[in-house]
PDB file of N, CA and C in Angstrom:
ATOM      1  N   UNK A   1     110.203  56.156 101.770  1.00  0.00           N
ATOM      2  CA  UNK A   1     110.914  56.911 102.771  1.00  0.00           C
ATOM      3  C   UNK A   1     111.967  57.824 102.129  1.00  0.00           C
ATOM      4  N   UNK A   2     112.603  57.377 101.072  1.00  0.00           N
ATOM      5  CA  UNK A   2     113.634  58.187 100.423  1.00  0.00           C
ATOM      6  C   UNK A   2     113.037  59.414  99.750  1.00  0.00           C
ATOM      7  N   UNK A   3     111.841  59.289  99.204  1.00  0.00           N
ATOM      8  CA  UNK A   3     111.200  60.419  98.538  1.00  0.00           C
ATOM      9  C   UNK A   3     110.922  61.542  99.534  1.00  0.00           C
ATOM     10  N   UNK A   4     110.455  61.203 100.716  1.00  0.00           N
ATOM     11  CA  UNK A   4     110.201  62.218 101.742  1.00  0.00           C
ATOM     12  C   UNK A   4     111.494  62.875 102.200  1.00  0.00           C
ATOM     13  N   UNK A   5     112.548  62.108 102.320  1.00  0.00           N
ATOM     14  CA  UNK A   5     113.839  62.666 102.713  1.00  0.00           C
ATOM     15  C   UNK A   5     114.365  63.610 101.635  1.00  0.00           C
ATOM     16  N   UNK A   6     114.183  63.219 100.380  1.00  0.00           N
ATOM     17  CA  UNK A   6     114.625  64.067  99.269  1.00  0.00           C
ATOM     18  C   UNK A   6     113.832  65.370  99.235  1.00  0.00           C
ATOM     19  N   UNK A   7     112.524  65.291  99.447  1.00  0.00           N
ATOM     20  CA  UNK A   7     111.693  66.495  99.466  1.00  0.00           C
ATOM     21  C   UNK A   7     112.095  67.416 100.620  1.00  0.00           C
ATOM     22  N   UNK A   8     112.348  66.826 101.781  1.00  0.00           N
ATOM     23  CA  UNK A   8     112.762  67.632 102.933  1.00  0.00           C
ATOM     24  C   UNK A   8     114.111  68.292 102.655  1.00  0.00           C
ATOM     25  N   UNK A   9     115.031  67.567 102.049  1.00  0.00           N
ATOM     26  CA  UNK A   9     116.344  68.120 101.735  1.00  0.00           C
ATOM     27  C   UNK A   9     116.215  69.259 100.720  1.00  0.00           C
ATOM     28  N   UNK A  10     115.376  69.066  99.698  1.00  0.00           N
ATOM     29  CA  UNK A  10     115.173  70.115  98.694  1.00  0.00           C
ATOM     30  C   UNK A  10     114.521  71.356  99.303  1.00  0.00           C
ATOM     31  N   UNK A  11     113.583  71.161 100.208  1.00  0.00           N
ATOM     32  CA  UNK A  11     112.949  72.292 100.887  1.00  0.00           C
ATOM     33  C   UNK A  11     113.975  73.077 101.707  1.00  0.00           C
ATOM     34  N   UNK A  12     114.829  72.337 102.412  1.00  0.00           N
ATOM     35  CA  UNK A  12     115.853  72.981 103.228  1.00  0.00           C
ATOM     36  C   UNK A  12     116.891  73.685 102.341  1.00  0.00           C
ATOM     37  N   UNK A  13     117.290  73.055 101.247  1.00  0.00           N
ATOM     38  CA  UNK A  13     118.247  73.673 100.333  1.00  0.00           C
ATOM     39  C   UNK A  13     117.657  74.940  99.710  1.00  0.00           C
ATOM     40  N   UNK A  14     116.381  74.897  99.371  1.00  0.00           N
ATOM     41  CA  UNK A  14     115.712  76.067  98.811  1.00  0.00           C
ATOM     42  C   UNK A  14     115.668  77.207  99.824  1.00  0.00           C
ATOM     43  N   UNK A  15     115.395  76.874 101.076  1.00  0.00           N
ATOM     44  CA  UNK A  15     115.362  77.888 102.131  1.00  0.00           C
ATOM     45  C   UNK A  15     116.727  78.558 102.279  1.00  0.00           C
ATOM     46  N   UNK A  16     117.800  77.770 102.342  1.00  0.00           N
ATOM     47  CA  UNK A  16     119.143  78.334 102.500  1.00  0.00           C
ATOM     48  C   UNK A  16     119.574  79.138 101.274  1.00  0.00           C
ATOM     49  N   UNK A  17     119.192  78.696 100.094  1.00  0.00           N
ATOM     50  CA  UNK A  17     119.531  79.447  98.885  1.00  0.00           C
ATOM     51  C   UNK A  17     118.817  80.803  98.877  1.00  0.00           C
ATOM     52  N   UNK A  18     117.558  80.807  99.279  1.00  0.00           N
ATOM     53  CA  UNK A  18     116.805  82.058  99.341  1.00  0.00           C
ATOM     54  C   UNK A  18     117.404  83.002 100.387  1.00  0.00           C
ATOM     55  N   UNK A  19     117.792  82.469 101.538  1.00  0.00           N
ATOM     56  CA  UNK A  19     118.417  83.295 102.570  1.00  0.00           C
ATOM     57  C   UNK A  19     119.741  83.882 102.082  1.00  0.00           C
ATOM     58  N   UNK A  20     120.534  83.083 101.407  1.00  0.00           N
ATOM     59  CA  UNK A  20     121.825  83.565 100.901  1.00  0.00           C
ATOM     60  C   UNK A  20     121.624  84.636  99.831  1.00  0.00           C
ATOM     61  N   UNK A  21     120.601  84.506  99.016  1.00  0.00           N
ATOM     62  CA  UNK A  21     120.341  85.482  97.961  1.00  0.00           C
ATOM     63  C   UNK A  21     119.845  86.804  98.559  1.00  0.00           C
ATOM     64  N   UNK A  22     118.983  86.738  99.576  1.00  0.00           N
ATOM     65  CA  UNK A  22     118.369  87.937 100.142  1.00  0.00           C
ATOM     66  C   UNK A  22     119.239  88.642 101.171  1.00  0.00           C
ATOM     67  N   UNK A  23     120.244  87.985 101.706  1.00  0.00           N
ATOM     68  CA  UNK A  23     121.049  88.554 102.797  1.00  0.00           C
ATOM     69  C   UNK A  23     121.667  89.917 102.466  1.00  0.00           C
ATOM     70  N   UNK A  24     122.282  90.122 101.298  1.00  0.00           N
ATOM     71  CA  UNK A  24     122.910  91.439 101.040  1.00  0.00           C
ATOM     72  C   UNK A  24     121.908  92.590 100.954  1.00  0.00           C
ATOM     73  N   UNK A  25     120.656  92.297 100.657  1.00  0.00           N
ATOM     74  CA  UNK A  25     119.659  93.348 100.445  1.00  0.00           C
ATOM     75  C   UNK A  25     118.807  93.616 101.674  1.00  0.00           C
ATOM     76  N   UNK A  26     118.919  92.795 102.690  1.00  0.00           N
ATOM     77  CA  UNK A  26     118.040  92.890 103.854  1.00  0.00           C
ATOM     78  C   UNK A  26     118.172  94.240 104.561  1.00  0.00           C
ATOM     79  N   UNK A  27     119.375  94.723 104.770  1.00  0.00           N
ATOM     80  CA  UNK A  27     119.546  95.995 105.488  1.00  0.00           C
ATOM     81  C   UNK A  27     119.081  97.181 104.640  1.00  0.00           C
ATOM     82  N   UNK A  28     119.313  97.132 103.343  1.00  0.00           N
ATOM     83  CA  UNK A  28     118.862  98.228 102.476  1.00  0.00           C
ATOM     84  C   UNK A  28     117.336  98.296 102.428  1.00  0.00           C
ATOM     85  N   UNK A  29     116.693  97.155 102.384  1.00  0.00           N
ATOM     86  CA  UNK A  29     115.226  97.126 102.374  1.00  0.00           C
ATOM     87  C   UNK A  29     114.679  97.634 103.695  1.00  0.00           C
ATOM     88  N   UNK A  30     115.282  97.228 104.805  1.00  0.00           N
ATOM     89  CA  UNK A  30     114.832  97.687 106.121  1.00  0.00           C
ATOM     90  C   UNK A  30     115.018  99.190 106.270  1.00  0.00           C
ATOM     91  N   UNK A  31     116.143  99.726 105.787  1.00  0.00           N
ATOM     92  CA  UNK A  31     116.400 101.164 105.859  1.00  0.00           C
ATOM     93  C   UNK A  31     115.383 101.941 105.020  1.00  0.00           C
ATOM     94  N   UNK A  32     115.095 101.455 103.819  1.00  0.00           N
ATOM     95  CA  UNK A  32     114.116 102.129 102.961  1.00  0.00           C
ATOM     96  C   UNK A  32     112.728 102.106 103.597  1.00  0.00           C
ATOM     97  N   UNK A  33     112.375 101.010 104.233  1.00  0.00           N
ATOM     98  CA  UNK A  33     111.073 100.919 104.902  1.00  0.00           C
ATOM     99  C   UNK A  33     111.001 101.891 106.072  1.00  0.00           C
ATOM    100  N   UNK A  34     112.084 101.989 106.859  1.00  0.00           N
ATOM    101  CA  UNK A  34     112.110 102.936 107.979  1.00  0.00           C
ATOM    102  C   UNK A  34     111.972 104.370 107.487  1.00  0.00           C
ATOM    103  N   UNK A  35     112.675 104.709 106.416  1.00  0.00           N
ATOM    104  CA  UNK A  35     112.590 106.072 105.879  1.00  0.00           C
ATOM    105  C   UNK A  35     111.184 106.383 105.385  1.00  0.00           C
ATOM    106  N   UNK A  36     110.568 105.421 104.748  1.00  0.00           N
ATOM    107  CA  UNK A  36     109.198 105.611 104.275  1.00  0.00           C
ATOM    108  C   UNK A  36     108.235 105.758 105.449  1.00  0.00           C
ATOM    109  N   UNK A  37     108.402 104.947 106.474  1.00  0.00           N
ATOM    110  CA  UNK A  37     107.560 105.046 107.660  1.00  0.00           C
ATOM    111  C   UNK A  37     107.753 106.387 108.363  1.00  0.00           C
ATOM    112  N   UNK A  38     109.003 106.867 108.429  1.00  0.00           N
ATOM    113  CA  UNK A  38     109.277 108.153 109.077  1.00  0.00           C
ATOM    114  C   UNK A  38     108.607 109.301 108.337  1.00  0.00           C
ATOM    115  N   UNK A  39     108.676 109.276 107.028  1.00  0.00           N
ATOM    116  CA  UNK A  39     108.026 110.327 106.246  1.00  0.00           C
ATOM    117  C   UNK A  39     106.518 110.293 106.437  1.00  0.00           C
ATOM    118  N   UNK A  40     105.955 109.102 106.426  1.00  0.00           N
ATOM    119  CA  UNK A  40     104.515 108.954 106.609  1.00  0.00           C
ATOM    120  C   UNK A  40     104.100 109.437 107.996  1.00  0.00           C
ATOM    121  N   UNK A  41     104.890 109.079 109.012  1.00  0.00           N
ATOM    122  CA  UNK A  41     104.605 109.518 110.380  1.00  0.00           C
ATOM    123  C   UNK A  41     104.690 111.042 110.482  1.00  0.00           C
ATOM    124  N   UNK A  42     105.674 111.627 109.831  1.00  0.00           N
ATOM    125  CA  UNK A  42     105.820 113.079 109.851  1.00  0.00           C
ATOM    126  C   UNK A  42     104.602 113.756 109.230  1.00  0.00           C
ATOM    127  N   UNK A  43     104.117 113.243 108.133  1.00  0.00           N
ATOM    128  CA  UNK A  43     102.930 113.824 107.495  1.00  0.00           C
ATOM    129  C   UNK A  43     101.710 113.754 108.397  1.00  0.00           C
ATOM    130  N   UNK A  44     101.529 112.619 109.033  1.00  0.00           N
ATOM    131  CA  UNK A  44     100.334 112.450 109.872  1.00  0.00           C
ATOM    132  C   UNK A  44     100.381 113.343 111.099  1.00  0.00           C
ATOM    133  N   UNK A  45     101.505 113.357 111.787  1.00  0.00           N
ATOM    134  CA  UNK A  45     101.560 114.148 113.011  1.00  0.00           C
ATOM    135  C   UNK A  45     101.762 115.637 112.751  1.00  0.00           C
ATOM    136  N   UNK A  46     102.253 116.009 111.591  1.00  0.00           N
ATOM    137  CA  UNK A  46     102.297 117.441 111.273  1.00  0.00           C
ATOM    138  C   UNK A  46     100.874 117.960 111.078  1.00  0.00           C
ATOM    139  N   UNK A  47     100.017 117.121 110.562  1.00  0.00           N
ATOM    140  CA  UNK A  47      98.621 117.527 110.419  1.00  0.00           C
ATOM    141  C   UNK A  47      97.974 117.726 111.784  1.00  0.00           C
ATOM    142  N   UNK A  48      98.340 116.874 112.744  1.00  0.00           N
ATOM    143  CA  UNK A  48      97.788 117.040 114.089  1.00  0.00           C
ATOM    144  C   UNK A  48      98.232 118.353 114.718  1.00  0.00           C
ATOM    145  N   UNK A  49      99.390 118.839 114.299  1.00  0.00           N
ATOM    146  CA  UNK A  49      99.912 120.092 114.854  1.00  0.00           C
ATOM    147  C   UNK A  49      99.425 121.309 114.064  1.00  0.00           C
ATOM    148  N   UNK A  50      98.624 121.105 113.049  1.00  0.00           N
ATOM    149  CA  UNK A  50      98.044 122.216 112.321  1.00  0.00           C
ATOM    150  C   UNK A  50      98.662 122.483 110.968  1.00  0.00           C
ATOM    151  N   UNK A  51      99.673 121.749 110.588  1.00  0.00           N
ATOM    152  CA  UNK A  51     100.273 121.927 109.269  1.00  0.00           C
ATOM    153  C   UNK A  51      99.418 121.135 108.279  1.00  0.00           C
ATOM    154  N   UNK A  52      98.919 121.765 107.242  1.00  0.00           N
ATOM    155  CA  UNK A  52      98.036 121.047 106.313  1.00  0.00           C
ATOM    156  C   UNK A  52      98.748 119.883 105.620  1.00  0.00           C
ATOM    157  N   UNK A  53      98.069 118.785 105.561  1.00  0.00           N
ATOM    158  CA  UNK A  53      98.595 117.580 104.922  1.00  0.00           C
ATOM    159  C   UNK A  53      97.864 117.396 103.596  1.00  0.00           C
ATOM    160  N   UNK A  54      98.568 117.356 102.497  1.00  0.00           N
ATOM    161  CA  UNK A  54      97.883 117.214 101.200  1.00  0.00           C
ATOM    162  C   UNK A  54      97.175 115.866 101.042  1.00  0.00           C
ATOM    163  N   UNK A  55      97.569 114.881 101.822  1.00  0.00           N
ATOM    164  CA  UNK A  55      96.940 113.556 101.719  1.00  0.00           C
ATOM    165  C   UNK A  55      96.038 113.268 102.914  1.00  0.00           C
ATOM    166  N   UNK A  56      95.485 114.298 103.528  1.00  0.00           N
ATOM    167  CA  UNK A  56      94.726 114.113 104.767  1.00  0.00           C
ATOM    168  C   UNK A  56      93.502 113.225 104.584  1.00  0.00           C
ATOM    169  N   UNK A  57      92.882 113.311 103.456  1.00  0.00           N
ATOM    170  CA  UNK A  57      91.691 112.496 103.215  1.00  0.00           C
ATOM    171  C   UNK A  57      92.025 111.000 103.282  1.00  0.00           C
ATOM    172  N   UNK A  58      93.211 110.631 102.826  1.00  0.00           N
ATOM    173  CA  UNK A  58      93.596 109.222 102.773  1.00  0.00           C
ATOM    174  C   UNK A  58      94.225 108.730 104.075  1.00  0.00           C
ATOM    175  N   UNK A  59      94.815 109.633 104.849  1.00  0.00           N
ATOM    176  CA  UNK A  59      95.544 109.206 106.042  1.00  0.00           C
ATOM    177  C   UNK A  59      94.739 109.318 107.331  1.00  0.00           C
ATOM    178  N   UNK A  60      93.611 109.975 107.306  1.00  0.00           N
ATOM    179  CA  UNK A  60      92.843 110.187 108.527  1.00  0.00           C
ATOM    180  C   UNK A  60      92.413 108.874 109.169  1.00  0.00           C
ATOM    181  N   UNK A  61      91.975 107.931 108.399  1.00  0.00           N
ATOM    182  CA  UNK A  61      91.510 106.665 108.970  1.00  0.00           C
ATOM    183  C   UNK A  61      92.654 105.784 109.454  1.00  0.00           C
ATOM    184  N   UNK A  62      93.889 106.104 109.100  1.00  0.00           N
ATOM    185  CA  UNK A  62      95.038 105.323 109.548  1.00  0.00           C
ATOM    186  C   UNK A  62      95.621 105.825 110.863  1.00  0.00           C
ATOM    187  N   UNK A  63      95.183 106.970 111.335  1.00  0.00           N
ATOM    188  CA  UNK A  63      95.759 107.570 112.530  1.00  0.00           C
ATOM    189  C   UNK A  63      95.710 106.655 113.759  1.00  0.00           C
ATOM    190  N   UNK A  64      94.612 105.991 114.058  1.00  0.00           N
ATOM    191  CA  UNK A  64      94.607 105.108 115.238  1.00  0.00           C
ATOM    192  C   UNK A  64      95.631 103.975 115.136  1.00  0.00           C
ATOM    193  N   UNK A  65      95.876 103.486 113.954  1.00  0.00           N
ATOM    194  CA  UNK A  65      96.864 102.428 113.794  1.00  0.00           C
ATOM    195  C   UNK A  65      98.280 102.941 114.021  1.00  0.00           C
ATOM    196  N   UNK A  66      98.530 104.175 113.624  1.00  0.00           N
ATOM    197  CA  UNK A  66      99.870 104.730 113.748  1.00  0.00           C
ATOM    198  C   UNK A  66     100.182 105.241 115.146  1.00  0.00           C
ATOM    199  N   UNK A  67      99.175 105.496 115.944  1.00  0.00           N
ATOM    200  CA  UNK A  67      99.436 105.950 117.303  1.00  0.00           C
ATOM    201  C   UNK A  67     100.205 104.899 118.095  1.00  0.00           C
ATOM    202  N   UNK A  68      99.983 103.641 117.791  1.00  0.00           N
ATOM    203  CA  UNK A  68     100.694 102.569 118.476  1.00  0.00           C
ATOM    204  C   UNK A  68     102.183 102.599 118.150  1.00  0.00           C
ATOM    205  N   UNK A  69     102.537 103.071 116.964  1.00  0.00           N
ATOM    206  CA  UNK A  69     103.936 103.096 116.537  1.00  0.00           C
ATOM    207  C   UNK A  69     104.620 104.433 116.810  1.00  0.00           C
ATOM    208  N   UNK A  70     103.878 105.390 117.350  1.00  0.00           N
ATOM    209  CA  UNK A  70     104.424 106.726 117.571  1.00  0.00           C
ATOM    210  C   UNK A  70     105.586 106.707 118.552  1.00  0.00           C
ATOM    211  N   UNK A  71     105.491 105.924 119.608  1.00  0.00           N
ATOM    212  CA  UNK A  71     106.555 105.852 120.613  1.00  0.00           C
ATOM    213  C   UNK A  71     107.871 105.405 119.974  1.00  0.00           C
ATOM    214  N   UNK A  72     107.834 104.337 119.195  1.00  0.00           N
ATOM    215  CA  UNK A  72     109.049 103.857 118.531  1.00  0.00           C
ATOM    216  C   UNK A  72     109.635 104.920 117.611  1.00  0.00           C
ATOM    217  N   UNK A  73     108.769 105.643 116.952  1.00  0.00           N
ATOM    218  CA  UNK A  73     109.230 106.670 116.022  1.00  0.00           C
ATOM    219  C   UNK A  73     109.975 107.787 116.746  1.00  0.00           C
ATOM    220  N   UNK A  74     109.387 108.337 117.807  1.00  0.00           N
ATOM    221  CA  UNK A  74     110.049 109.486 118.442  1.00  0.00           C
ATOM    222  C   UNK A  74     111.313 109.062 119.185  1.00  0.00           C
ATOM    223  N   UNK A  75     111.384 107.818 119.650  1.00  0.00           N
ATOM    224  CA  UNK A  75     112.631 107.333 120.250  1.00  0.00           C
ATOM    225  C   UNK A  75     113.709 107.220 119.169  1.00  0.00           C
ATOM    226  N   UNK A  76     113.358 106.682 118.002  1.00  0.00           N
ATOM    227  CA  UNK A  76     114.315 106.552 116.905  1.00  0.00           C
ATOM    228  C   UNK A  76     114.782 107.909 116.396  1.00  0.00           C
ATOM    229  N   UNK A  77     113.924 108.925 116.491  1.00  0.00           N
ATOM    230  CA  UNK A  77     114.288 110.266 116.063  1.00  0.00           C
ATOM    231  C   UNK A  77     115.119 110.997 117.110  1.00  0.00           C
ATOM    232  N   UNK A  78     115.360 110.361 118.260  1.00  0.00           N
ATOM    233  CA  UNK A  78     116.200 110.960 119.282  1.00  0.00           C
ATOM    234  C   UNK A  78     115.464 111.813 120.298  1.00  0.00           C
ATOM    235  N   UNK A  79     114.147 111.714 120.346  1.00  0.00           N
ATOM    236  CA  UNK A  79     113.367 112.477 121.319  1.00  0.00           C
ATOM    237  C   UNK A  79     113.006 111.559 122.475  1.00  0.00           C
ATOM    238  N   UNK A  80     113.467 111.852 123.695  1.00  0.00           N
ATOM    239  CA  UNK A  80     113.191 110.944 124.813  1.00  0.00           C
ATOM    240  C   UNK A  80     111.714 110.911 125.221  1.00  0.00           C
ATOM    241  N   UNK A  81     110.995 111.989 124.963  1.00  0.00           N
ATOM    242  CA  UNK A  81     109.567 112.045 125.295  1.00  0.00           C
ATOM    243  C   UNK A  81     108.789 112.494 124.071  1.00  0.00           C
ATOM    244  N   UNK A  82     107.501 112.305 124.112  1.00  0.00           N
ATOM    245  CA  UNK A  82     106.649 112.689 122.996  1.00  0.00           C
ATOM    246  C   UNK A  82     106.771 114.187 122.709  1.00  0.00           C
ATOM    247  N   UNK A  83     106.980 114.595 121.462  1.00  0.00           N
ATOM    248  CA  UNK A  83     107.084 116.016 121.152  1.00  0.00           C
ATOM    249  C   UNK A  83     105.731 116.719 121.140  1.00  0.00           C
ATOM    250  N   UNK A  84     104.654 115.968 121.226  1.00  0.00           N
ATOM    251  CA  UNK A  84     103.326 116.547 121.189  1.00  0.00           C
ATOM    252  C   UNK A  84     102.724 116.545 122.588  1.00  0.00           C
ATOM    253  N   UNK A  85     102.119 117.659 122.977  1.00  0.00           N
ATOM    254  CA  UNK A  85     101.550 117.777 124.321  1.00  0.00           C
ATOM    255  C   UNK A  85     100.356 116.858 124.539  1.00  0.00           C
ATOM    256  N   UNK A  86      99.584 116.626 123.500  1.00  0.00           N
ATOM    257  CA  UNK A  86      98.358 115.851 123.682  1.00  0.00           C
ATOM    258  C   UNK A  86      98.562 114.341 123.520  1.00  0.00           C
ATOM    259  N   UNK A  87      99.767 113.899 123.257  1.00  0.00           N
ATOM    260  CA  UNK A  87     100.049 112.456 123.138  1.00  0.00           C
ATOM    261  C   UNK A  87     101.080 112.095 124.182  1.00  0.00           C
ATOM    262  N   UNK A  88     100.678 111.343 125.179  1.00  0.00           N
ATOM    263  CA  UNK A  88     101.587 110.889 126.231  1.00  0.00           C
ATOM    264  C   UNK A  88     101.786 109.392 126.071  1.00  0.00           C
ATOM    265  N   UNK A  89     102.935 109.007 125.625  1.00  0.00           N
ATOM    266  CA  UNK A  89     103.197 107.570 125.436  1.00  0.00           C
ATOM    267  C   UNK A  89     104.294 107.059 126.354  1.00  0.00           C
ATOM    268  N   UNK A  90     105.045 107.952 126.984  1.00  0.00           N
ATOM    269  CA  UNK A  90     106.171 107.530 127.834  1.00  0.00           C
ATOM    270  C   UNK A  90     105.859 107.764 129.298  1.00  0.00           C
TER     271      UNK A  90
END
């Protein structure tokens, strides 16, 4: 019984140590991910508007997956409605 208690305590201590180590970096990582997602979204939807995308061959198959996230993106960018006429998400 003591061995199981010790293992559980070590697992919990490891979890808290990992959380304490990662806490200062969590917001910076989230911000970098948002910026990367915003740039990627801009490239994809600029292509839909007729601006040539240099990575179009690689991003074309990802478009259906990103349409689900388009609403969150344009709200975060401060646009209350979709900026594109052919995409109605609101």
